[in-house]
């Protein structure tokens, strides 16, 4: 388990908008030439939709080698929320 699997920034009570690092290999020689984004949205924490899986994003954007992955979270109390994954690679 990497730190990216267990770490998530502390959310605000009414509004939250943060970006944070995901997985990264400092010895990685893969250049971030391509970019892909995928998000999962929710309404009232009851209904959610979307795809923020790094593998799905890489496949959709034709990224065959991943350089690094970042994430962002935006929440408006319980009314609406969005969790996004950003994939960079070749």
PDB file of N, CA and C in Angstrom:
ATOM      1  N   UNK A   1       0.838  -1.161   0.000  1.00  0.00           N
ATOM      2  CA  UNK A   1       0.000   0.000   0.000  1.00  0.00           C
ATOM      3  C   UNK A   1       0.891   1.234   0.000  1.00  0.00           C
ATOM      4  N   UNK A   2       0.618   2.161  -0.916  1.00  0.00           N
ATOM      5  CA  UNK A   2       1.392   3.390  -0.969  1.00  0.00           C
ATOM      6  C   UNK A   2       0.686   4.481  -0.179  1.00  0.00           C
ATOM      7  N   UNK A   3       1.397   5.566   0.056  1.00  0.00           N
ATOM      8  CA  UNK A   3       0.818   6.682   0.792  1.00  0.00           C
ATOM      9  C   UNK A   3      -0.391   7.240   0.054  1.00  0.00           C
ATOM     10  N   UNK A   4      -0.374   7.222  -1.280  1.00  0.00           N
ATOM     11  CA  UNK A   4      -1.496   7.720  -2.061  1.00  0.00           C
ATOM     12  C   UNK A   4      -2.777   6.944  -1.829  1.00  0.00           C
ATOM     13  N   UNK A   5      -2.673   5.696  -1.379  1.00  0.00           N
ATOM     14  CA  UNK A   5      -3.854   4.883  -1.126  1.00  0.00           C
ATOM     15  C   UNK A   5      -4.536   5.239   0.189  1.00  0.00           C
ATOM     16  N   UNK A   6      -3.805   5.830   1.118  1.00  0.00           N
ATOM     17  CA  UNK A   6      -4.363   6.071   2.446  1.00  0.00           C
ATOM     18  C   UNK A   6      -4.467   7.545   2.809  1.00  0.00           C
ATOM     19  N   UNK A   7      -3.951   8.431   1.992  1.00  0.00           N
ATOM     20  CA  UNK A   7      -3.921   9.847   2.324  1.00  0.00           C
ATOM     21  C   UNK A   7      -4.994  10.601   1.553  1.00  0.00           C
ATOM     22  N   UNK A   8      -5.730  11.433   2.243  1.00  0.00           N
ATOM     23  CA  UNK A   8      -6.675  12.344   1.617  1.00  0.00           C
ATOM     24  C   UNK A   8      -6.727  13.587   2.488  1.00  0.00           C
ATOM     25  N   UNK A   9      -6.669  14.776   1.886  1.00  0.00           N
ATOM     26  CA  UNK A   9      -6.684  16.004   2.685  1.00  0.00           C
ATOM     27  C   UNK A   9      -7.934  16.107   3.554  1.00  0.00           C
ATOM     28  N   UNK A  10      -7.810  16.813   4.654  1.00  0.00           N
ATOM     29  CA  UNK A  10      -8.932  17.010   5.571  1.00  0.00           C
ATOM     30  C   UNK A  10      -9.942  17.943   4.909  1.00  0.00           C
ATOM     31  N   UNK A  11     -11.206  17.542   4.813  1.00  0.00           N
ATOM     32  CA  UNK A  11     -12.205  18.370   4.129  1.00  0.00           C
ATOM     33  C   UNK A  11     -12.720  19.508   4.998  1.00  0.00           C
ATOM     34  N   UNK A  12     -13.209  20.550   4.333  1.00  0.00           N
ATOM     35  CA  UNK A  12     -13.898  21.624   5.033  1.00  0.00           C
ATOM     36  C   UNK A  12     -15.320  21.192   5.344  1.00  0.00           C
ATOM     37  N   UNK A  13     -15.978  21.894   6.243  1.00  0.00           N
ATOM     38  CA  UNK A  13     -17.326  21.507   6.650  1.00  0.00           C
ATOM     39  C   UNK A  13     -18.370  21.865   5.590  1.00  0.00           C
ATOM     40  N   UNK A  14     -18.362  23.108   5.082  1.00  0.00           N
ATOM     41  CA  UNK A  14     -19.362  23.537   4.109  1.00  0.00           C
ATOM     42  C   UNK A  14     -18.855  23.496   2.671  1.00  0.00           C
ATOM     43  N   UNK A  15     -17.598  23.835   2.475  1.00  0.00           N
ATOM     44  CA  UNK A  15     -17.026  23.858   1.127  1.00  0.00           C
ATOM     45  C   UNK A  15     -15.604  23.326   1.188  1.00  0.00           C
ATOM     46  N   UNK A  16     -15.246  22.579   0.178  1.00  0.00           N
ATOM     47  CA  UNK A  16     -13.925  21.971   0.124  1.00  0.00           C
ATOM     48  C   UNK A  16     -13.458  21.959  -1.326  1.00  0.00           C
ATOM     49  N   UNK A  17     -12.251  22.425  -1.577  1.00  0.00           N
ATOM     50  CA  UNK A  17     -11.667  22.352  -2.913  1.00  0.00           C
ATOM     51  C   UNK A  17     -10.157  22.197  -2.759  1.00  0.00           C
ATOM     52  N   UNK A  18      -9.674  20.986  -2.923  1.00  0.00           N
ATOM     53  CA  UNK A  18      -8.248  20.707  -2.753  1.00  0.00           C
ATOM     54  C   UNK A  18      -7.735  19.810  -3.875  1.00  0.00           C
ATOM     55  N   UNK A  19      -6.468  19.977  -4.175  1.00  0.00           N
ATOM     56  CA  UNK A  19      -5.753  19.095  -5.095  1.00  0.00           C
ATOM     57  C   UNK A  19      -4.633  18.447  -4.314  1.00  0.00           C
ATOM     58  N   UNK A  20      -4.337  17.196  -4.636  1.00  0.00           N
ATOM     59  CA  UNK A  20      -3.269  16.521  -3.915  1.00  0.00           C
ATOM     60  C   UNK A  20      -2.600  15.486  -4.804  1.00  0.00           C
ATOM     61  N   UNK A  21      -1.350  15.206  -4.449  1.00  0.00           N
ATOM     62  CA  UNK A  21      -0.539  14.268  -5.222  1.00  0.00           C
ATOM     63  C   UNK A  21      -1.049  12.850  -5.084  1.00  0.00           C
ATOM     64  N   UNK A  22      -0.910  12.136  -6.165  1.00  0.00           N
ATOM     65  CA  UNK A  22      -1.221  10.716  -6.141  1.00  0.00           C
ATOM     66  C   UNK A  22       0.076   9.938  -6.199  1.00  0.00           C
ATOM     67  N   UNK A  23       0.090   8.894  -6.978  1.00  0.00           N
ATOM     68  CA  UNK A  23       1.270   8.043  -7.086  1.00  0.00           C
ATOM     69  C   UNK A  23       2.322   8.687  -7.982  1.00  0.00           C
ATOM     70  N   UNK A  24       3.579   8.541  -7.583  1.00  0.00           N
ATOM     71  CA  UNK A  24       4.694   9.101  -8.335  1.00  0.00           C
ATOM     72  C   UNK A  24       5.936   8.274  -8.049  1.00  0.00           C
ATOM     73  N   UNK A  25       6.666   7.965  -9.075  1.00  0.00           N
ATOM     74  CA  UNK A  25       7.918   7.231  -8.932  1.00  0.00           C
ATOM     75  C   UNK A  25       9.052   8.185  -9.295  1.00  0.00           C
ATOM     76  N   UNK A  26       9.872   8.640  -8.334  1.00  0.00           N
ATOM     77  CA  UNK A  26      10.924   9.612  -8.635  1.00  0.00           C
ATOM     78  C   UNK A  26      11.981   9.089  -9.604  1.00  0.00           C
ATOM     79  N   UNK A  27      12.100   7.784  -9.763  1.00  0.00           N
ATOM     80  CA  UNK A  27      13.065   7.215 -10.702  1.00  0.00           C
ATOM     81  C   UNK A  27      12.424   6.928 -12.056  1.00  0.00           C
ATOM     82  N   UNK A  28      11.222   7.405 -12.247  1.00  0.00           N
ATOM     83  CA  UNK A  28      10.456   7.167 -13.464  1.00  0.00           C
ATOM     84  C   UNK A  28      11.041   7.978 -14.619  1.00  0.00           C
ATOM     85  N   UNK A  29      11.246   7.357 -15.762  1.00  0.00           N
ATOM     86  CA  UNK A  29      11.763   8.057 -16.939  1.00  0.00           C
ATOM     87  C   UNK A  29      10.661   8.353 -17.954  1.00  0.00           C
ATOM     88  N   UNK A  30       9.408   8.122 -17.595  1.00  0.00           N
ATOM     89  CA  UNK A  30       8.286   8.372 -18.499  1.00  0.00           C
ATOM     90  C   UNK A  30       7.975   9.866 -18.500  1.00  0.00           C
ATOM     91  N   UNK A  31       7.911  10.450 -19.678  1.00  0.00           N
ATOM     92  CA  UNK A  31       7.643  11.883 -19.797  1.00  0.00           C
ATOM     93  C   UNK A  31       6.133  12.134 -19.804  1.00  0.00           C
ATOM     94  N   UNK A  32       5.679  13.224 -19.198  1.00  0.00           N
ATOM     95  CA  UNK A  32       4.245  13.549 -19.179  1.00  0.00           C
ATOM     96  C   UNK A  32       3.805  14.262 -20.461  1.00  0.00           C
ATOM     97  N   UNK A  33       3.781  13.547 -21.569  1.00  0.00           N
ATOM     98  CA  UNK A  33       3.423  14.134 -22.859  1.00  0.00           C
ATOM     99  C   UNK A  33       1.917  14.147 -23.101  1.00  0.00           C
ATOM    100  N   UNK A  34       1.202  13.256 -22.463  1.00  0.00           N
ATOM    101  CA  UNK A  34      -0.257  13.169 -22.619  1.00  0.00           C
ATOM    102  C   UNK A  34      -0.917  13.379 -21.269  1.00  0.00           C
ATOM    103  N   UNK A  35      -2.187  13.772 -21.325  1.00  0.00           N
ATOM    104  CA  UNK A  35      -2.933  14.085 -20.106  1.00  0.00           C
ATOM    105  C   UNK A  35      -4.352  13.553 -20.241  1.00  0.00           C
ATOM    106  N   UNK A  36      -4.879  12.994 -19.169  1.00  0.00           N
ATOM    107  CA  UNK A  36      -6.265  12.546 -19.140  1.00  0.00           C
ATOM    108  C   UNK A  36      -6.885  12.852 -17.794  1.00  0.00           C
ATOM    109  N   UNK A  37      -8.189  13.081 -17.798  1.00  0.00           N
ATOM    110  CA  UNK A  37      -8.914  13.422 -16.568  1.00  0.00           C
ATOM    111  C   UNK A  37     -10.205  12.622 -16.519  1.00  0.00           C
ATOM    112  N   UNK A  38     -10.524  12.117 -15.350  1.00  0.00           N
ATOM    113  CA  UNK A  38     -11.786  11.419 -15.132  1.00  0.00           C
ATOM    114  C   UNK A  38     -12.333  11.797 -13.772  1.00  0.00           C
ATOM    115  N   UNK A  39     -13.657  11.968 -13.683  1.00  0.00           N
ATOM    116  CA  UNK A  39     -14.267  12.426 -12.430  1.00  0.00           C
ATOM    117  C   UNK A  39     -15.469  11.575 -12.043  1.00  0.00           C
ATOM    118  N   UNK A  40     -15.702  11.515 -10.748  1.00  0.00           N
ATOM    119  CA  UNK A  40     -16.913  10.928 -10.180  1.00  0.00           C
ATOM    120  C   UNK A  40     -17.645  12.056  -9.471  1.00  0.00           C
ATOM    121  N   UNK A  41     -18.941  12.188  -9.735  1.00  0.00           N
ATOM    122  CA  UNK A  41     -19.769  13.236  -9.137  1.00  0.00           C
ATOM    123  C   UNK A  41     -20.801  12.590  -8.216  1.00  0.00           C
ATOM    124  N   UNK A  42     -21.280  13.347  -7.241  1.00  0.00           N
ATOM    125  CA  UNK A  42     -22.381  12.841  -6.414  1.00  0.00           C
ATOM    126  C   UNK A  42     -23.349  13.975  -6.087  1.00  0.00           C
ATOM    127  N   UNK A  43     -24.594  13.599  -5.873  1.00  0.00           N
ATOM    128  CA  UNK A  43     -25.633  14.527  -5.430  1.00  0.00           C
ATOM    129  C   UNK A  43     -26.188  13.987  -4.123  1.00  0.00           C
ATOM    130  N   UNK A  44     -26.133  14.827  -3.090  1.00  0.00           N
ATOM    131  CA  UNK A  44     -26.628  14.477  -1.748  1.00  0.00           C
ATOM    132  C   UNK A  44     -26.006  13.193  -1.196  1.00  0.00           C
ATOM    133  N   UNK A  45     -24.869  12.796  -1.721  1.00  0.00           N
ATOM    134  CA  UNK A  45     -24.180  11.568  -1.306  1.00  0.00           C
ATOM    135  C   UNK A  45     -25.076  10.325  -1.440  1.00  0.00           C
ATOM    136  N   UNK A  46     -26.108  10.443  -2.256  1.00  0.00           N
ATOM    137  CA  UNK A  46     -27.023   9.326  -2.492  1.00  0.00           C
ATOM    138  C   UNK A  46     -26.791   8.732  -3.877  1.00  0.00           C
ATOM    139  N   UNK A  47     -26.674   9.601  -4.873  1.00  0.00           N
ATOM    140  CA  UNK A  47     -26.501   9.159  -6.252  1.00  0.00           C
ATOM    141  C   UNK A  47     -25.147   9.638  -6.760  1.00  0.00           C
ATOM    142  N   UNK A  48     -24.358   8.730  -7.306  1.00  0.00           N
ATOM    143  CA  UNK A  48     -23.065   9.110  -7.869  1.00  0.00           C
ATOM    144  C   UNK A  48     -22.891   8.479  -9.248  1.00  0.00           C
ATOM    145  N   UNK A  49     -22.058   9.121 -10.072  1.00  0.00           N
ATOM    146  CA  UNK A  49     -21.793   8.639 -11.423  1.00  0.00           C
ATOM    147  C   UNK A  49     -20.414   9.119 -11.860  1.00  0.00           C
ATOM    148  N   UNK A  50     -19.852   8.446 -12.836  1.00  0.00           N
ATOM    149  CA  UNK A  50     -18.571   8.832 -13.405  1.00  0.00           C
ATOM    150  C   UNK A  50     -17.541   7.730 -13.297  1.00  0.00           C
ATOM    151  N   UNK A  51     -16.342   8.045 -13.751  1.00  0.00           N
ATOM    152  CA  UNK A  51     -15.239   7.090 -13.741  1.00  0.00           C
ATOM    153  C   UNK A  51     -13.945   7.847 -13.468  1.00  0.00           C
ATOM    154  N   UNK A  52     -13.348   7.626 -12.321  1.00  0.00           N
ATOM    155  CA  UNK A  52     -12.085   8.274 -11.952  1.00  0.00           C
ATOM    156  C   UNK A  52     -10.966   7.252 -11.804  1.00  0.00           C
ATOM    157  N   UNK A  53     -11.114   6.099 -12.440  1.00  0.00           N
ATOM    158  CA  UNK A  53     -10.092   5.052 -12.356  1.00  0.00           C
ATOM    159  C   UNK A  53      -8.925   5.388 -13.283  1.00  0.00           C
ATOM    160  N   UNK A  54      -7.711   5.377 -12.748  1.00  0.00           N
ATOM    161  CA  UNK A  54      -6.524   5.741 -13.523  1.00  0.00           C
ATOM    162  C   UNK A  54      -6.361   4.854 -14.760  1.00  0.00           C
ATOM    163  N   UNK A  55      -6.616   3.568 -14.626  1.00  0.00           N
ATOM    164  CA  UNK A  55      -6.494   2.659 -15.764  1.00  0.00           C
ATOM    165  C   UNK A  55      -7.469   2.985 -16.880  1.00  0.00           C
ATOM    166  N   UNK A  56      -8.703   3.312 -16.529  1.00  0.00           N
ATOM    167  CA  UNK A  56      -9.714   3.681 -17.529  1.00  0.00           C
ATOM    168  C   UNK A  56      -9.346   4.980 -18.233  1.00  0.00           C
ATOM    169  N   UNK A  57      -8.850   5.931 -17.464  1.00  0.00           N
ATOM    170  CA  UNK A  57      -8.453   7.221 -18.042  1.00  0.00           C
ATOM    171  C   UNK A  57      -7.288   7.019 -19.008  1.00  0.00           C
ATOM    172  N   UNK A  58      -6.285   6.253 -18.594  1.00  0.00           N
ATOM    173  CA  UNK A  58      -5.129   5.990 -19.454  1.00  0.00           C
ATOM    174  C   UNK A  58      -5.559   5.286 -20.741  1.00  0.00           C
ATOM    175  N   UNK A  59      -6.424   4.309 -20.637  1.00  0.00           N
ATOM    176  CA  UNK A  59      -6.896   3.581 -21.822  1.00  0.00           C
ATOM    177  C   UNK A  59      -7.649   4.516 -22.764  1.00  0.00           C
ATOM    178  N   UNK A  60      -8.544   5.340 -22.214  1.00  0.00           N
ATOM    179  CA  UNK A  60      -9.345   6.262 -23.022  1.00  0.00           C
ATOM    180  C   UNK A  60      -8.474   7.298 -23.737  1.00  0.00           C
ATOM    181  N   UNK A  61      -7.419   7.763 -23.081  1.00  0.00           N
ATOM    182  CA  UNK A  61      -6.552   8.805 -23.647  1.00  0.00           C
ATOM    183  C   UNK A  61      -5.322   8.237 -24.359  1.00  0.00           C
ATOM    184  N   UNK A  62      -5.283   6.915 -24.537  1.00  0.00           N
ATOM    185  CA  UNK A  62      -4.186   6.221 -25.222  1.00  0.00           C
ATOM    186  C   UNK A  62      -2.839   6.442 -24.536  1.00  0.00           C
ATOM    187  N   UNK A  63      -2.848   6.488 -23.216  1.00  0.00           N
ATOM    188  CA  UNK A  63      -1.619   6.588 -22.429  1.00  0.00           C
ATOM    189  C   UNK A  63      -1.178   5.164 -22.101  1.00  0.00           C
ATOM    190  N   UNK A  64      -0.029   4.770 -22.634  1.00  0.00           N
ATOM    191  CA  UNK A  64       0.442   3.403 -22.419  1.00  0.00           C
ATOM    192  C   UNK A  64       1.442   3.298 -21.274  1.00  0.00           C
ATOM    193  N   UNK A  65       2.095   4.406 -20.927  1.00  0.00           N
ATOM    194  CA  UNK A  65       3.034   4.449 -19.802  1.00  0.00           C
ATOM    195  C   UNK A  65       2.662   5.639 -18.923  1.00  0.00           C
ATOM    196  N   UNK A  66       2.396   5.386 -17.658  1.00  0.00           N
ATOM    197  CA  UNK A  66       1.973   6.453 -16.745  1.00  0.00           C
ATOM    198  C   UNK A  66       3.186   7.065 -16.058  1.00  0.00           C
ATOM    199  N   UNK A  67       3.267   8.393 -16.108  1.00  0.00           N
ATOM    200  CA  UNK A  67       4.337   9.134 -15.448  1.00  0.00           C
ATOM    201  C   UNK A  67       3.968   9.446 -14.000  1.00  0.00           C
ATOM    202  N   UNK A  68       2.803  10.061 -13.793  1.00  0.00           N
ATOM    203  CA  UNK A  68       2.315  10.319 -12.439  1.00  0.00           C
ATOM    204  C   UNK A  68       0.812  10.547 -12.452  1.00  0.00           C
ATOM    205  N   UNK A  69       0.222  10.513 -11.266  1.00  0.00           N
ATOM    206  CA  UNK A  69      -1.221  10.644 -11.084  1.00  0.00           C
ATOM    207  C   UNK A  69      -1.480  11.674  -9.992  1.00  0.00           C
ATOM    208  N   UNK A  70      -2.412  12.590 -10.243  1.00  0.00           N
ATOM    209  CA  UNK A  70      -2.839  13.575  -9.247  1.00  0.00           C
ATOM    210  C   UNK A  70      -4.343  13.450  -9.038  1.00  0.00           C
ATOM    211  N   UNK A  71      -4.839  14.096  -7.975  1.00  0.00           N
ATOM    212  CA  UNK A  71      -6.262  14.038  -7.642  1.00  0.00           C
ATOM    213  C   UNK A  71      -6.762  15.405  -7.193  1.00  0.00           C
ATOM    214  N   UNK A  72      -8.061  15.607  -7.279  1.00  0.00           N
ATOM    215  CA  UNK A  72      -8.686  16.798  -6.703  1.00  0.00           C
ATOM    216  C   UNK A  72     -10.063  16.427  -6.173  1.00  0.00           C
ATOM    217  N   UNK A  73     -10.481  17.158  -5.139  1.00  0.00           N
ATOM    218  CA  UNK A  73     -11.789  16.947  -4.516  1.00  0.00           C
ATOM    219  C   UNK A  73     -12.459  18.299  -4.360  1.00  0.00           C
ATOM    220  N   UNK A  74     -13.727  18.374  -4.746  1.00  0.00           N
ATOM    221  CA  UNK A  74     -14.542  19.566  -4.525  1.00  0.00           C
ATOM    222  C   UNK A  74     -15.864  19.110  -3.932  1.00  0.00           C
ATOM    223  N   UNK A  75     -16.247  19.704  -2.809  1.00  0.00           N
ATOM    224  CA  UNK A  75     -17.508  19.364  -2.146  1.00  0.00           C
ATOM    225  C   UNK A  75     -18.235  20.629  -1.724  1.00  0.00           C
ATOM    226  N   UNK A  76     -19.542  20.647  -1.891  1.00  0.00           N
ATOM    227  CA  UNK A  76     -20.421  21.684  -1.370  1.00  0.00           C
ATOM    228  C   UNK A  76     -21.345  21.019  -0.362  1.00  0.00           C
ATOM    229  N   UNK A  77     -20.921  21.015   0.907  1.00  0.00           N
ATOM    230  CA  UNK A  77     -21.629  20.360   2.001  1.00  0.00           C
ATOM    231  C   UNK A  77     -22.008  18.948   1.554  1.00  0.00           C
ATOM    232  N   UNK A  78     -23.263  18.542   1.656  1.00  0.00           N
ATOM    233  CA  UNK A  78     -23.654  17.217   1.155  1.00  0.00           C
ATOM    234  C   UNK A  78     -24.370  17.317  -0.183  1.00  0.00           C
ATOM    235  N   UNK A  79     -24.547  18.541  -0.694  1.00  0.00           N
ATOM    236  CA  UNK A  79     -25.358  18.743  -1.891  1.00  0.00           C
ATOM    237  C   UNK A  79     -24.710  18.214  -3.165  1.00  0.00           C
ATOM    238  N   UNK A  80     -23.434  18.503  -3.339  1.00  0.00           N
ATOM    239  CA  UNK A  80     -22.748  18.097  -4.566  1.00  0.00           C
ATOM    240  C   UNK A  80     -21.277  17.860  -4.257  1.00  0.00           C
ATOM    241  N   UNK A  81     -20.696  16.895  -4.926  1.00  0.00           N
ATOM    242  CA  UNK A  81     -19.266  16.642  -4.771  1.00  0.00           C
ATOM    243  C   UNK A  81     -18.673  16.080  -6.043  1.00  0.00           C
ATOM    244  N   UNK A  82     -17.360  16.293  -6.186  1.00  0.00           N
ATOM    245  CA  UNK A  82     -16.647  15.795  -7.364  1.00  0.00           C
ATOM    246  C   UNK A  82     -15.258  15.331  -6.923  1.00  0.00           C
ATOM    247  N   UNK A  83     -14.876  14.135  -7.348  1.00  0.00           N
ATOM    248  CA  UNK A  83     -13.542  13.586  -7.109  1.00  0.00           C
ATOM    249  C   UNK A  83     -12.934  13.298  -8.479  1.00  0.00           C
ATOM    250  N   UNK A  84     -11.800  13.922  -8.785  1.00  0.00           N
ATOM    251  CA  UNK A  84     -11.178  13.755 -10.100  1.00  0.00           C
ATOM    252  C   UNK A  84      -9.786  13.154  -9.985  1.00  0.00           C
ATOM    253  N   UNK A  85      -9.438  12.364 -10.981  1.00  0.00           N
ATOM    254  CA  UNK A  85      -8.105  11.785 -11.110  1.00  0.00           C
ATOM    255  C   UNK A  85      -7.496  12.310 -12.402  1.00  0.00           C
ATOM    256  N   UNK A  86      -6.236  12.733 -12.328  1.00  0.00           N
ATOM    257  CA  UNK A  86      -5.508  13.254 -13.485  1.00  0.00           C
ATOM    258  C   UNK A  86      -4.340  12.316 -13.757  1.00  0.00           C
ATOM    259  N   UNK A  87      -4.247  11.838 -14.983  1.00  0.00           N
ATOM    260  CA  UNK A  87      -3.201  10.888 -15.356  1.00  0.00           C
ATOM    261  C   UNK A  87      -2.306  11.539 -16.409  1.00  0.00           C
ATOM    262  N   UNK A  88      -0.991  11.487 -16.176  1.00  0.00           N
ATOM    263  CA  UNK A  88      -0.004  12.043 -17.097  1.00  0.00           C
ATOM    264  C   UNK A  88       0.923  10.925 -17.556  1.00  0.00           C
ATOM    265  N   UNK A  89       1.296  10.954 -18.830  1.00  0.00           N
ATOM    266  CA  UNK A  89       2.201   9.923 -19.322  1.00  0.00           C
ATOM    267  C   UNK A  89       2.428  10.002 -20.813  1.00  0.00           C
ATOM    268  N   UNK A  90       2.895   8.897 -21.368  1.00  0.00           N
ATOM    269  CA  UNK A  90       3.184   8.813 -22.808  1.00  0.00           C
ATOM    270  C   UNK A  90       2.172   7.910 -23.486  1.00  0.00           C
TER     271      UNK A  90
END
